[in-house]
C-alpha atoms as a PDB file:
ATOM      1  CA  MET A   1     164.396 -87.767 372.571  1.00  0.00           C
ATOM      2  CA  LYS A   2     167.161 -88.872 374.702  1.00  0.00           C
ATOM      3  CA  ASN A   3     169.555 -86.196 373.142  1.00  0.00           C
ATOM      4  CA  TRP A   4     167.152 -83.484 373.790  1.00  0.00           C
ATOM      5  CA  THR A   5     166.546 -84.959 377.606  1.00  0.00           C
ATOM      6  CA  THR A   6     170.483 -84.816 378.164  1.00  0.00           C
ATOM      7  CA  THR A   7     170.700 -81.369 376.377  1.00  0.00           C
ATOM      8  CA  ARG A   8     167.967 -79.828 378.689  1.00  0.00           C
ATOM      9  CA  ARG A   9     169.756 -81.545 382.138  1.00  0.00           C
ATOM     10  CA  PHE A  10     172.941 -80.285 381.287  1.00  0.00           C
ATOM     11  CA  THR A  11     171.459 -76.605 380.630  1.00  0.00           C
ATOM     12  CA  ALA A  12     169.682 -76.927 383.854  1.00  0.00           C
ATOM     13  CA  ALA A  13     172.973 -77.551 385.297  1.00  0.00           C
ATOM     14  CA  MET A  14     174.813 -75.116 384.026  1.00  0.00           C
ATOM     15  CA  THR A  15     172.106 -72.695 384.901  1.00  0.00           C
ATOM     16  CA  LEU A  16     172.229 -73.644 388.479  1.00  0.00           C
ATOM     17  CA  ILE A  17     176.097 -73.187 388.314  1.00  0.00           C
ATOM     18  CA  CYS A  18     175.871 -69.818 386.485  1.00  0.00           C
ATOM     19  CA  ALA A  19     173.502 -68.693 389.511  1.00  0.00           C
ATOM     20  CA  ALA A  20     175.791 -69.696 392.381  1.00  0.00           C
ATOM     21  CA  LEU A  21     178.618 -68.068 390.922  1.00  0.00           C
ATOM     22  CA  THR A  22     176.370 -65.123 390.077  1.00  0.00           C
ATOM     23  CA  GLY A  23     175.617 -65.129 393.807  1.00  0.00           C
ATOM     24  CA  ALA A  24     179.705 -65.430 394.959  1.00  0.00           C
ATOM     25  CA  ALA A  25     180.454 -62.842 392.955  1.00  0.00           C
ATOM     26  CA  THR A  26     177.452 -60.814 394.595  1.00  0.00           C
ATOM     27  CA  ALA A  27     178.360 -61.382 397.946  1.00  0.00           C
ATOM     28  CA  ALA A  28     182.191 -60.629 397.255  1.00  0.00           C
ATOM     29  CA  GLU A  29     181.109 -57.035 396.195  1.00  0.00           C
ATOM     30  CA  VAL A  30     179.323 -56.510 399.198  1.00  0.00           C
ATOM     31  CA  TYR A  31     181.460 -53.783 401.168  1.00  0.00           C
ATOM     32  CA  GLU A  32     182.581 -54.829 404.642  1.00  0.00           C
ATOM     33  CA  ARG A  33     184.126 -52.132 406.710  1.00  0.00           C
ATOM     34  CA  GLN A  34     187.791 -52.688 407.331  1.00  0.00           C
ATOM     35  CA  TYR A  35     188.901 -49.322 409.131  1.00  0.00           C
ATOM     36  CA  THR A  36     187.678 -49.012 412.464  1.00  0.00           C
ATOM     37  CA  GLY A  37     190.243 -46.441 414.200  1.00  0.00           C
ATOM     38  CA  PRO A  38     189.215 -43.326 415.476  1.00  0.00           C
ATOM     39  CA  VAL A  39     188.474 -40.900 412.231  1.00  0.00           C
ATOM     40  CA  ILE A  40     189.012 -36.446 412.299  1.00  0.00           C
ATOM     41  CA  ASP A  41     186.817 -35.057 409.947  1.00  0.00           C
ATOM     42  CA  VAL A  42     188.147 -31.905 408.647  1.00  0.00           C
ATOM     43  CA  HIS A  43     184.837 -30.745 406.485  1.00  0.00           C
ATOM     44  CA  LEU A  44     181.696 -30.662 408.433  1.00  0.00           C
ATOM     45  CA  HIS A  45     178.724 -28.879 408.271  1.00  0.00           C
ATOM     46  CA  ALA A  46     176.328 -27.403 411.196  1.00  0.00           C
ATOM     47  CA  PHE A  47     173.576 -25.368 408.988  1.00  0.00           C
ATOM     48  CA  SER A  48     170.463 -23.755 410.060  1.00  0.00           C
ATOM     49  CA  VAL A  49     167.533 -24.737 407.616  1.00  0.00           C
ATOM     50  CA  GLU A  50     167.186 -21.156 405.946  1.00  0.00           C
ATOM     51  CA  LEU A  51     171.375 -21.742 404.819  1.00  0.00           C
ATOM     52  CA  THR A  52     171.461 -25.109 403.516  1.00  0.00           C
ATOM     53  CA  GLY A  53     168.098 -25.929 402.406  1.00  0.00           C
ATOM     54  CA  LEU A  54     167.383 -28.842 403.897  1.00  0.00           C
ATOM     55  CA  GLY A  55     164.756 -31.185 403.636  1.00  0.00           C
ATOM     56  CA  GLY A  56     165.537 -31.647 400.097  1.00  0.00           C
ATOM     57  CA  THR A  57     165.903 -34.625 398.123  1.00  0.00           C
ATOM     58  CA  TRP A  58     168.336 -34.825 395.160  1.00  0.00           C
ATOM     59  CA  THR A  59     169.477 -37.431 392.621  1.00  0.00           C
ATOM     60  CA  ASN A  60     173.440 -37.329 391.853  1.00  0.00           C
ATOM     61  CA  PRO A  61     173.496 -37.542 387.892  1.00  0.00           C
ATOM     62  CA  LEU A  62     177.066 -39.063 387.955  1.00  0.00           C
ATOM     63  CA  THR A  63     176.059 -41.817 390.122  1.00  0.00           C
ATOM     64  CA  GLY A  64     172.553 -42.210 389.835  1.00  0.00           C
ATOM     65  CA  LYS A  65     172.366 -42.187 393.934  1.00  0.00           C
ATOM     66  CA  THR A  66     169.620 -40.464 395.529  1.00  0.00           C
ATOM     67  CA  TYR A  67     169.922 -38.632 398.876  1.00  0.00           C
ATOM     68  CA  VAL A  68     167.135 -37.732 401.079  1.00  0.00           C
ATOM     69  CA  GLY A  69     167.894 -34.280 402.860  1.00  0.00           C
ATOM     70  CA  ALA A  70     166.902 -33.812 406.843  1.00  0.00           C
ATOM     71  CA  THR A  71     164.132 -31.440 407.386  1.00  0.00           C
ATOM     72  CA  THR A  72     165.214 -29.429 410.221  1.00  0.00           C
ATOM     73  CA  ALA A  73     168.057 -28.276 411.862  1.00  0.00           C
ATOM     74  CA  ALA A  74     167.941 -30.832 414.484  1.00  0.00           C
ATOM     75  CA  GLU A  75     167.331 -33.344 411.956  1.00  0.00           C
ATOM     76  CA  GLN A  76     170.454 -32.816 410.494  1.00  0.00           C
ATOM     77  CA  ARG A  77     172.449 -32.511 413.585  1.00  0.00           C
ATOM     78  CA  ALA A  78     170.732 -35.773 415.168  1.00  0.00           C
ATOM     79  CA  GLU A  79     171.675 -37.650 411.820  1.00  0.00           C
ATOM     80  CA  THR A  80     175.030 -36.687 411.510  1.00  0.00           C
ATOM     81  CA  TYR A  81     175.942 -37.659 414.809  1.00  0.00           C
ATOM     82  CA  GLU A  82     174.849 -41.070 414.522  1.00  0.00           C
ATOM     83  CA  ARG A  83     177.726 -41.096 411.517  1.00  0.00           C
ATOM     84  CA  LEU A  84     179.879 -39.491 413.689  1.00  0.00           C
ATOM     85  CA  ARG A  85     179.335 -42.094 416.385  1.00  0.00           C
ATOM     86  CA  LYS A  86     178.858 -45.178 413.672  1.00  0.00           C
ATOM     87  CA  TYR A  87     182.863 -44.174 412.527  1.00  0.00           C
ATOM     88  CA  ASN A  88     184.472 -43.340 415.291  1.00  0.00           C
ATOM     89  CA  VAL A  89     185.096 -39.702 414.431  1.00  0.00           C
ATOM     90  CA  VAL A  90     186.768 -38.055 417.390  1.00  0.00           C
ATOM     91  CA  LYS A  91     187.531 -34.497 415.929  1.00  0.00           C
ATOM     92  CA  ALA A  92     185.445 -32.318 413.558  1.00  0.00           C
ATOM     93  CA  ILE A  93     186.110 -29.219 411.876  1.00  0.00           C
ATOM     94  CA  THR A  94     182.608 -27.972 411.611  1.00  0.00           C
ATOM     95  CA  SER A  95     181.640 -24.637 409.876  1.00  0.00           C
ATOM     96  CA  GLY A  96     178.097 -23.163 409.232  1.00  0.00           C
ATOM     97  CA  SER A  97     175.689 -21.031 411.194  1.00  0.00           C
ATOM     98  CA  THR A  98     175.308 -23.674 414.308  1.00  0.00           C
ATOM     99  CA  ALA A  99     178.987 -24.325 414.472  1.00  0.00           C
ATOM    100  CA  VAL A 100     179.337 -22.730 417.643  1.00  0.00           C
ATOM    101  CA  GLU A 101     176.523 -24.298 419.222  1.00  0.00           C
ATOM    102  CA  TRP A 102     177.584 -27.821 418.152  1.00  0.00           C
ATOM    103  CA  PHE A 103     181.130 -27.391 419.879  1.00  0.00           C
ATOM    104  CA  GLU A 104     179.132 -25.918 423.114  1.00  0.00           C
ATOM    105  CA  ALA A 105     177.839 -29.019 423.516  1.00  0.00           C
ATOM    106  CA  ASP A 106     180.374 -31.231 422.068  1.00  0.00           C
ATOM    107  CA  PRO A 107     183.584 -29.543 422.781  1.00  0.00           C
ATOM    108  CA  ASP A 108     186.127 -32.474 422.943  1.00  0.00           C
ATOM    109  CA  ARG A 109     184.690 -33.583 419.451  1.00  0.00           C
ATOM    110  CA  ILE A 110     183.788 -30.246 417.485  1.00  0.00           C
ATOM    111  CA  LEU A 111     186.088 -27.603 416.302  1.00  0.00           C
ATOM    112  CA  VAL A 112     184.925 -24.317 415.120  1.00  0.00           C
ATOM    113  CA  GLY A 113     185.975 -23.536 411.568  1.00  0.00           C
ATOM    114  CA  GLY A 114     185.077 -19.564 410.574  1.00  0.00           C
ATOM    115  CA  MET A 115     183.110 -19.626 407.404  1.00  0.00           C
ATOM    116  CA  ILE A 116     183.926 -16.794 404.720  1.00  0.00           C
ATOM    117  CA  GLY A 117     182.246 -16.224 401.313  1.00  0.00           C
ATOM    118  CA  LEU A 118     178.866 -16.939 402.107  1.00  0.00           C
ATOM    119  CA  GLY A 119     177.614 -14.356 404.811  1.00  0.00           C
ATOM    120  CA  PRO A 120     179.122 -11.419 406.915  1.00  0.00           C
ATOM    121  CA  THR A 121     182.386 -12.225 407.983  1.00  0.00           C
ATOM    122  CA  SER A 122     185.449  -9.537 409.389  1.00  0.00           C
ATOM    123  CA  VAL A 123     188.960 -10.346 410.046  1.00  0.00           C
ATOM    124  CA  GLU A 124     188.511  -8.816 413.435  1.00  0.00           C
ATOM    125  CA  GLY A 125     185.185 -10.977 414.094  1.00  0.00           C
ATOM    126  CA  PHE A 126     187.072 -14.176 413.808  1.00  0.00           C
ATOM    127  CA  ARG A 127     190.166 -12.797 415.721  1.00  0.00           C
ATOM    128  CA  GLN A 128     187.489 -12.031 418.643  1.00  0.00           C
ATOM    129  CA  GLN A 129     186.122 -15.333 418.272  1.00  0.00           C
ATOM    130  CA  TYR A 130     189.229 -17.024 418.898  1.00  0.00           C
ATOM    131  CA  GLU A 131     189.995 -14.767 421.645  1.00  0.00           C
ATOM    132  CA  ALA A 132     186.878 -16.700 423.294  1.00  0.00           C
ATOM    133  CA  GLY A 133     188.035 -19.900 422.976  1.00  0.00           C
ATOM    134  CA  LYS A 134     185.486 -20.282 420.016  1.00  0.00           C
ATOM    135  CA  LEU A 135     187.794 -20.546 416.623  1.00  0.00           C
ATOM    136  CA  HIS A 136     189.943 -23.549 415.778  1.00  0.00           C
ATOM    137  CA  ALA A 137     190.300 -23.148 411.985  1.00  0.00           C
ATOM    138  CA  ILE A 138     189.073 -20.611 409.299  1.00  0.00           C
ATOM    139  CA  GLY A 139     186.941 -22.679 406.667  1.00  0.00           C
ATOM    140  CA  GLU A 140     185.702 -23.213 404.658  1.00  0.00           C
ATOM    141  CA  MET A 141     186.759 -20.470 403.019  1.00  0.00           C
ATOM    142  CA  GLY A 142     183.936 -20.502 400.354  1.00  0.00           C
ATOM    143  CA  SER A 143     184.703 -17.224 398.547  1.00  0.00           C
ATOM    144  CA  TYR A 144     184.825 -19.515 395.012  1.00  0.00           C
ATOM    145  CA  TYR A 145     180.806 -19.464 395.378  1.00  0.00           C
ATOM    146  CA  SER A 146     181.287 -15.620 395.132  1.00  0.00           C
ATOM    147  CA  GLY A 147     183.534 -15.800 391.878  1.00  0.00           C
ATOM    148  CA  VAL A 148     186.588 -14.711 394.141  1.00  0.00           C
ATOM    149  CA  ARG A 149     190.032 -16.683 393.802  1.00  0.00           C
ATOM    150  CA  ALA A 150     191.914 -17.584 396.358  1.00  0.00           C
ATOM    151  CA  ASP A 151     194.857 -14.590 395.344  1.00  0.00           C
ATOM    152  CA  ASP A 152     192.185 -12.013 395.373  1.00  0.00           C
ATOM    153  CA  PRO A 153     193.319  -9.089 397.856  1.00  0.00           C
ATOM    154  CA  THR A 154     189.799  -9.326 399.572  1.00  0.00           C
ATOM    155  CA  VAL A 155     190.833 -13.167 400.697  1.00  0.00           C
ATOM    156  CA  LEU A 156     194.311 -12.340 402.025  1.00  0.00           C
ATOM    157  CA  PRO A 157     193.960 -11.216 404.997  1.00  0.00           C
ATOM    158  CA  PHE A 158     192.168 -14.243 406.263  1.00  0.00           C
ATOM    159  CA  PHE A 159     195.086 -16.153 405.320  1.00  0.00           C
ATOM    160  CA  GLU A 160     197.409 -13.877 407.220  1.00  0.00           C
ATOM    161  CA  LEU A 161     195.111 -14.229 410.285  1.00  0.00           C
ATOM    162  CA  ALA A 162     195.352 -17.835 410.215  1.00  0.00           C
ATOM    163  CA  GLU A 163     199.145 -18.103 410.061  1.00  0.00           C
ATOM    164  CA  ALA A 164     199.275 -15.411 413.063  1.00  0.00           C
ATOM    165  CA  LEU A 165     197.177 -17.526 415.046  1.00  0.00           C
ATOM    166  CA  GLY A 166     198.682 -21.087 413.932  1.00  0.00           C
ATOM    167  CA  ILE A 167     195.198 -22.534 413.160  1.00  0.00           C
ATOM    168  CA  PRO A 168     194.462 -24.531 409.854  1.00  0.00           C
ATOM    169  CA  ALA A 169     192.914 -22.452 406.761  1.00  0.00           C
ATOM    170  CA  GLY A 170     190.733 -24.785 404.521  1.00  0.00           C
ATOM    171  CA  TYR A 171     190.102 -23.330 401.163  1.00  0.00           C
ATOM    172  CA  HIS A 172     187.493 -24.411 398.687  1.00  0.00           C
ATOM    173  CA  ILE A 173     188.045 -24.987 394.991  1.00  0.00           C
ATOM    174  CA  LEU A 174     185.553 -27.056 393.127  1.00  0.00           C
ATOM    175  CA  PRO A 175     183.147 -28.914 392.778  1.00  0.00           C
ATOM    176  CA  GLY A 176     180.710 -26.557 394.853  1.00  0.00           C
ATOM    177  CA  GLY A 177     177.460 -27.888 394.054  1.00  0.00           C
ATOM    178  CA  GLY A 178     176.659 -30.770 391.677  1.00  0.00           C
ATOM    179  CA  PRO A 179     177.049 -30.881 388.235  1.00  0.00           C
ATOM    180  CA  GLY A 180     175.351 -27.919 386.775  1.00  0.00           C
ATOM    181  CA  SER A 181     174.611 -26.030 390.177  1.00  0.00           C
ATOM    182  CA  LEU A 182     175.504 -22.593 388.622  1.00  0.00           C
ATOM    183  CA  TYR A 183     172.083 -22.669 386.771  1.00  0.00           C
ATOM    184  CA  GLN A 184     170.293 -22.909 389.836  1.00  0.00           C
ATOM    185  CA  GLY A 185     170.989 -19.425 390.593  1.00  0.00           C
ATOM    186  CA  GLY A 186     171.214 -17.855 393.901  1.00  0.00           C
ATOM    187  CA  LEU A 187     174.258 -19.271 395.942  1.00  0.00           C
ATOM    188  CA  MET A 188     175.498 -21.063 393.038  1.00  0.00           C
ATOM    189  CA  ALA A 189     175.099 -18.491 390.444  1.00  0.00           C
ATOM    190  CA  ASN A 190     178.901 -17.439 390.533  1.00  0.00           C
ATOM    191  CA  ILE A 191     180.334 -20.635 389.817  1.00  0.00           C
ATOM    192  CA  ARG A 192     182.795 -20.727 387.305  1.00  0.00           C
ATOM    193  CA  ALA A 193     184.893 -23.887 386.449  1.00  0.00           C
ATOM    194  CA  ALA A 194     187.718 -21.170 385.054  1.00  0.00           C
ATOM    195  CA  ASN A 195     188.272 -20.514 388.546  1.00  0.00           C
ATOM    196  CA  ALA A 196     188.981 -23.798 389.634  1.00  0.00           C
ATOM    197  CA  ASN A 197     192.458 -24.240 389.117  1.00  0.00           C
ATOM    198  CA  PRO A 198     193.954 -25.001 392.089  1.00  0.00           C
ATOM    199  CA  MET A 199     197.264 -23.219 390.630  1.00  0.00           C
ATOM    200  CA  GLN A 200     195.464 -19.849 392.352  1.00  0.00           C
ATOM    201  CA  ILE A 201     196.769 -21.350 395.343  1.00  0.00           C
ATOM    202  CA  GLU A 202     200.558 -21.029 394.896  1.00  0.00           C
ATOM    203  CA  PRO A 203     200.723 -16.734 395.751  1.00  0.00           C
ATOM    204  CA  VAL A 204     199.343 -17.711 399.146  1.00  0.00           C
ATOM    205  CA  LEU A 205     201.806 -20.425 400.008  1.00  0.00           C
ATOM    206  CA  ILE A 206     204.909 -18.473 398.672  1.00  0.00           C
ATOM    207  CA  ALA A 207     203.804 -15.515 400.441  1.00  0.00           C
ATOM    208  CA  HIS A 208     202.657 -17.550 403.698  1.00  0.00           C
ATOM    209  CA  PRO A 209     205.209 -20.409 404.268  1.00  0.00           C
ATOM    210  CA  ASP A 210     204.270 -20.795 408.045  1.00  0.00           C
ATOM    211  CA  LEU A 211     200.559 -21.147 406.954  1.00  0.00           C
ATOM    212  CA  LYS A 212     198.397 -24.551 407.928  1.00  0.00           C
ATOM    213  CA  ILE A 213     196.600 -25.132 404.724  1.00  0.00           C
ATOM    214  CA  TYR A 214     194.512 -27.478 403.009  1.00  0.00           C
ATOM    215  CA  MET A 215     193.192 -27.745 399.597  1.00  0.00           C
ATOM    216  CA  MET A 216     188.966 -28.632 400.106  1.00  0.00           C
ATOM    217  CA  HIS A 217     188.298 -31.130 397.756  1.00  0.00           C
ATOM    218  CA  ALA A 218     191.777 -31.983 396.928  1.00  0.00           C
ATOM    219  CA  GLY A 219     191.855 -29.556 393.727  1.00  0.00           C
ATOM    220  CA  TRP A 220     189.752 -32.473 391.327  1.00  0.00           C
ATOM    221  CA  PRO A 221     190.116 -32.802 388.404  1.00  0.00           C
ATOM    222  CA  TYR A 222     193.531 -31.239 388.113  1.00  0.00           C
ATOM    223  CA  LEU A 223     195.770 -34.076 389.413  1.00  0.00           C
ATOM    224  CA  GLU A 224     199.009 -33.268 387.765  1.00  0.00           C
ATOM    225  CA  ASP A 225     198.735 -29.195 389.157  1.00  0.00           C
ATOM    226  CA  VAL A 226     197.942 -30.956 392.567  1.00  0.00           C
ATOM    227  CA  LYS A 227     201.231 -33.450 392.385  1.00  0.00           C
ATOM    228  CA  ALA A 228     203.479 -30.439 391.217  1.00  0.00           C
ATOM    229  CA  LEU A 229     201.841 -27.791 394.055  1.00  0.00           C
ATOM    230  CA  MET A 230     202.824 -30.745 396.805  1.00  0.00           C
ATOM    231  CA  TYR A 231     205.698 -31.030 395.606  1.00  0.00           C
ATOM    232  CA  ALA A 232     206.671 -27.485 395.473  1.00  0.00           C
ATOM    233  CA  HIS A 233     205.113 -26.718 398.621  1.00  0.00           C
ATOM    234  CA  PRO A 234     205.178 -29.243 401.641  1.00  0.00           C
ATOM    235  CA  GLN A 235     202.895 -27.229 403.571  1.00  0.00           C
ATOM    236  CA  LEU A 236     200.123 -27.949 401.646  1.00  0.00           C
ATOM    237  CA  TYR A 237     197.620 -30.441 402.361  1.00  0.00           C
ATOM    238  CA  VAL A 238     194.475 -31.540 400.771  1.00  0.00           C
ATOM    239  CA  GLU A 239     191.321 -33.082 401.502  1.00  0.00           C
ATOM    240  CA  VAL A 240     188.976 -35.284 399.636  1.00  0.00           C
ATOM    241  CA  SER A 241     185.196 -34.233 400.712  1.00  0.00           C
ATOM    242  CA  ALA A 242     182.614 -34.525 398.475  1.00  0.00           C
ATOM    243  CA  ILE A 243     184.743 -35.949 395.762  1.00  0.00           C
ATOM    244  CA  ASN A 244     184.578 -38.926 397.727  1.00  0.00           C
ATOM    245  CA  TRP A 245     180.700 -39.423 396.641  1.00  0.00           C
ATOM    246  CA  LEU A 246     180.249 -37.107 394.447  1.00  0.00           C
ATOM    247  CA  LEU A 247     181.997 -38.717 391.665  1.00  0.00           C
ATOM    248  CA  PRO A 248     181.989 -42.484 390.712  1.00  0.00           C
ATOM    249  CA  ARG A 249     183.931 -44.570 392.659  1.00  0.00           C
ATOM    250  CA  ALA A 250     186.463 -45.272 389.698  1.00  0.00           C
ATOM    251  CA  GLU A 251     187.275 -41.421 389.228  1.00  0.00           C
ATOM    252  CA  PHE A 252     187.610 -41.137 392.519  1.00  0.00           C
ATOM    253  CA  HIS A 253     189.544 -43.968 393.174  1.00  0.00           C
ATOM    254  CA  ASP A 254     191.927 -42.651 390.392  1.00  0.00           C
ATOM    255  CA  PHE A 255     192.279 -39.409 391.603  1.00  0.00           C
ATOM    256  CA  LEU A 256     192.991 -40.688 394.883  1.00  0.00           C
ATOM    257  CA  HIS A 257     196.021 -43.306 394.043  1.00  0.00           C
ATOM    258  CA  GLY A 258     197.618 -40.425 391.641  1.00  0.00           C
ATOM    259  CA  LEU A 259     198.135 -39.207 394.751  1.00  0.00           C
ATOM    260  CA  VAL A 260     199.488 -41.955 396.412  1.00  0.00           C
ATOM    261  CA  ARG A 261     201.243 -42.910 394.125  1.00  0.00           C
ATOM    262  CA  ALA A 262     202.960 -39.510 393.794  1.00  0.00           C
ATOM    263  CA  GLY A 263     204.113 -40.038 397.721  1.00  0.00           C
ATOM    264  CA  GLN A 264     201.753 -37.929 399.107  1.00  0.00           C
ATOM    265  CA  ILE A 265     199.813 -40.035 401.471  1.00  0.00           C
ATOM    266  CA  LYS A 266     201.190 -38.071 404.317  1.00  0.00           C
ATOM    267  CA  ARG A 267     199.137 -34.703 403.247  1.00  0.00           C
ATOM    268  CA  ILE A 268     195.825 -36.336 402.184  1.00  0.00           C
ATOM    269  CA  LEU A 269     193.029 -35.843 404.612  1.00  0.00           C
ATOM    270  CA  TYR A 270     189.372 -37.068 405.019  1.00  0.00           C
ATOM    271  CA  GLY A 271     186.335 -35.002 405.309  1.00  0.00           C
ATOM    272  CA  SER A 272     182.539 -36.042 404.521  1.00  0.00           C
ATOM    273  CA  ASP A 273     181.141 -32.064 403.655  1.00  0.00           C
ATOM    274  CA  GLN A 274     177.437 -33.450 404.245  1.00  0.00           C
ATOM    275  CA  MET A 275     175.790 -30.521 404.188  1.00  0.00           C
ATOM    276  CA  GLY A 276     172.284 -31.508 404.333  1.00  0.00           C
ATOM    277  CA  TRP A 277     172.400 -35.316 403.813  1.00  0.00           C
ATOM    278  CA  ALA A 278     174.286 -37.343 406.444  1.00  0.00           C
ATOM    279  CA  GLN A 279     174.004 -40.568 404.048  1.00  0.00           C
ATOM    280  CA  THR A 280     176.703 -38.985 402.017  1.00  0.00           C
ATOM    281  CA  ILE A 281     178.850 -39.337 405.077  1.00  0.00           C
ATOM    282  CA  ASP A 282     178.532 -43.370 404.698  1.00  0.00           C
ATOM    283  CA  ASP A 283     179.585 -43.382 401.011  1.00  0.00           C
ATOM    284  CA  GLY A 284     182.391 -40.833 401.367  1.00  0.00           C
ATOM    285  CA  PHE A 285     183.717 -43.470 404.152  1.00  0.00           C
ATOM    286  CA  GLU A 286     183.189 -46.024 401.945  1.00  0.00           C
ATOM    287  CA  ALA A 287     185.023 -44.729 399.353  1.00  0.00           C
ATOM    288  CA  ILE A 288     188.228 -44.743 400.802  1.00  0.00           C
ATOM    289  CA  ASP A 289     187.810 -47.701 402.885  1.00  0.00           C
ATOM    290  CA  SER A 290     187.078 -49.610 400.060  1.00  0.00           C
ATOM    291  CA  ALA A 291     190.054 -48.260 398.069  1.00  0.00           C
ATOM    292  CA  PRO A 292     192.295 -51.603 396.978  1.00  0.00           C
ATOM    293  CA  PHE A 293     195.340 -49.493 397.129  1.00  0.00           C
ATOM    294  CA  LEU A 294     195.455 -48.750 400.776  1.00  0.00           C
ATOM    295  CA  ASP A 295     196.694 -50.668 403.101  1.00  0.00           C
ATOM    296  CA  ASP A 296     196.373 -49.821 406.716  1.00  0.00           C
ATOM    297  CA  SER A 297     198.224 -47.834 407.727  1.00  0.00           C
ATOM    298  CA  GLN A 298     197.774 -45.753 404.620  1.00  0.00           C
ATOM    299  CA  LYS A 299     194.162 -45.373 405.510  1.00  0.00           C
ATOM    300  CA  ALA A 300     194.806 -44.962 409.544  1.00  0.00           C
ATOM    301  CA  ASP A 301     196.940 -41.824 407.526  1.00  0.00           C
ATOM    302  CA  ILE A 302     194.103 -40.224 405.769  1.00  0.00           C
ATOM    303  CA  PHE A 303     191.262 -41.365 408.254  1.00  0.00           C
ATOM    304  CA  HIS A 304     193.693 -39.522 411.419  1.00  0.00           C
ATOM    305  CA  ASN A 305     196.962 -39.418 411.932  1.00  0.00           C
ATOM    306  CA  ASN A 306     197.406 -36.461 409.006  1.00  0.00           C
ATOM    307  CA  ALA A 307     194.851 -34.631 410.400  1.00  0.00           C
ATOM    308  CA  ALA A 308     196.292 -35.334 413.881  1.00  0.00           C
ATOM    309  CA  ARG A 309     199.848 -33.661 412.893  1.00  0.00           C
ATOM    310  CA  LEU A 310     198.037 -30.660 410.872  1.00  0.00           C
ATOM    311  CA  LEU A 311     196.032 -29.932 413.923  1.00  0.00           C
ATOM    312  CA  ALA A 312     198.781 -30.004 416.633  1.00  0.00           C
ATOM    313  CA  PRO A 313     200.089 -27.225 418.251  1.00  0.00           C
ATOM    314  CA  ASP A 314     203.028 -25.430 416.642  1.00  0.00           C
END
């Protein structure tokens, strides 16, 4: 009986110790925001209900995270602005059907990006919009959704215009929706992984050495190709929107760390690409802020300084 009692007491004590240690580990894993400085988001959207399919609830099969979409364009705007204020977003390149409306209501924060590949657009129309003071970048350049590559003759005039106007051009390459989105049809039907290699941007870089250009979604998953492009072409920036909340955290950190280890910290940009799910801004911000390999100055570069340099007038 004595041995059994002693064993029981020892087991109970060990249970309490393990519970305490588990609780401590759990508490240590809770994310606490580190970076509180200014932020520039180079990939934000202002969509109407018709374009973005607001109201959809979607579970990311890669992470298990569920996002509940806004039910109206006004709700998307309100939920997005809640995060812009929360994370001290001072500038945001914003594209979509209501981007000009957002700019007119908040010209100090919103910069209008001209979207191509997702509706009727023209070089002349963008030129007139720029002259009216309502175009600050060309992007999202979404010809990828139509199965068209960056070096296609139909796309090149838009790069030429951005270079001539001295404004940034943001070109979208994979992901493009969630995993398997091409089987949903509609806008996503022409997505092809074969069109996602970032090397397609090299002819544009060579032909337009003065172009302010950033590659959306950082060319994931082609890390080695992206490193080669950034090494060869110092005018190329990359932004990490969508992959900072679509991918499992370890995969995103591995990719981002690869760029940092390659010495490219000065040309990595923050973006959200929140579409209809403003909650993704929370996850995308945390993915960078929680990266254990980034120091405070490197976070400031990604969140603000690099984009400020890209946006600065020549």
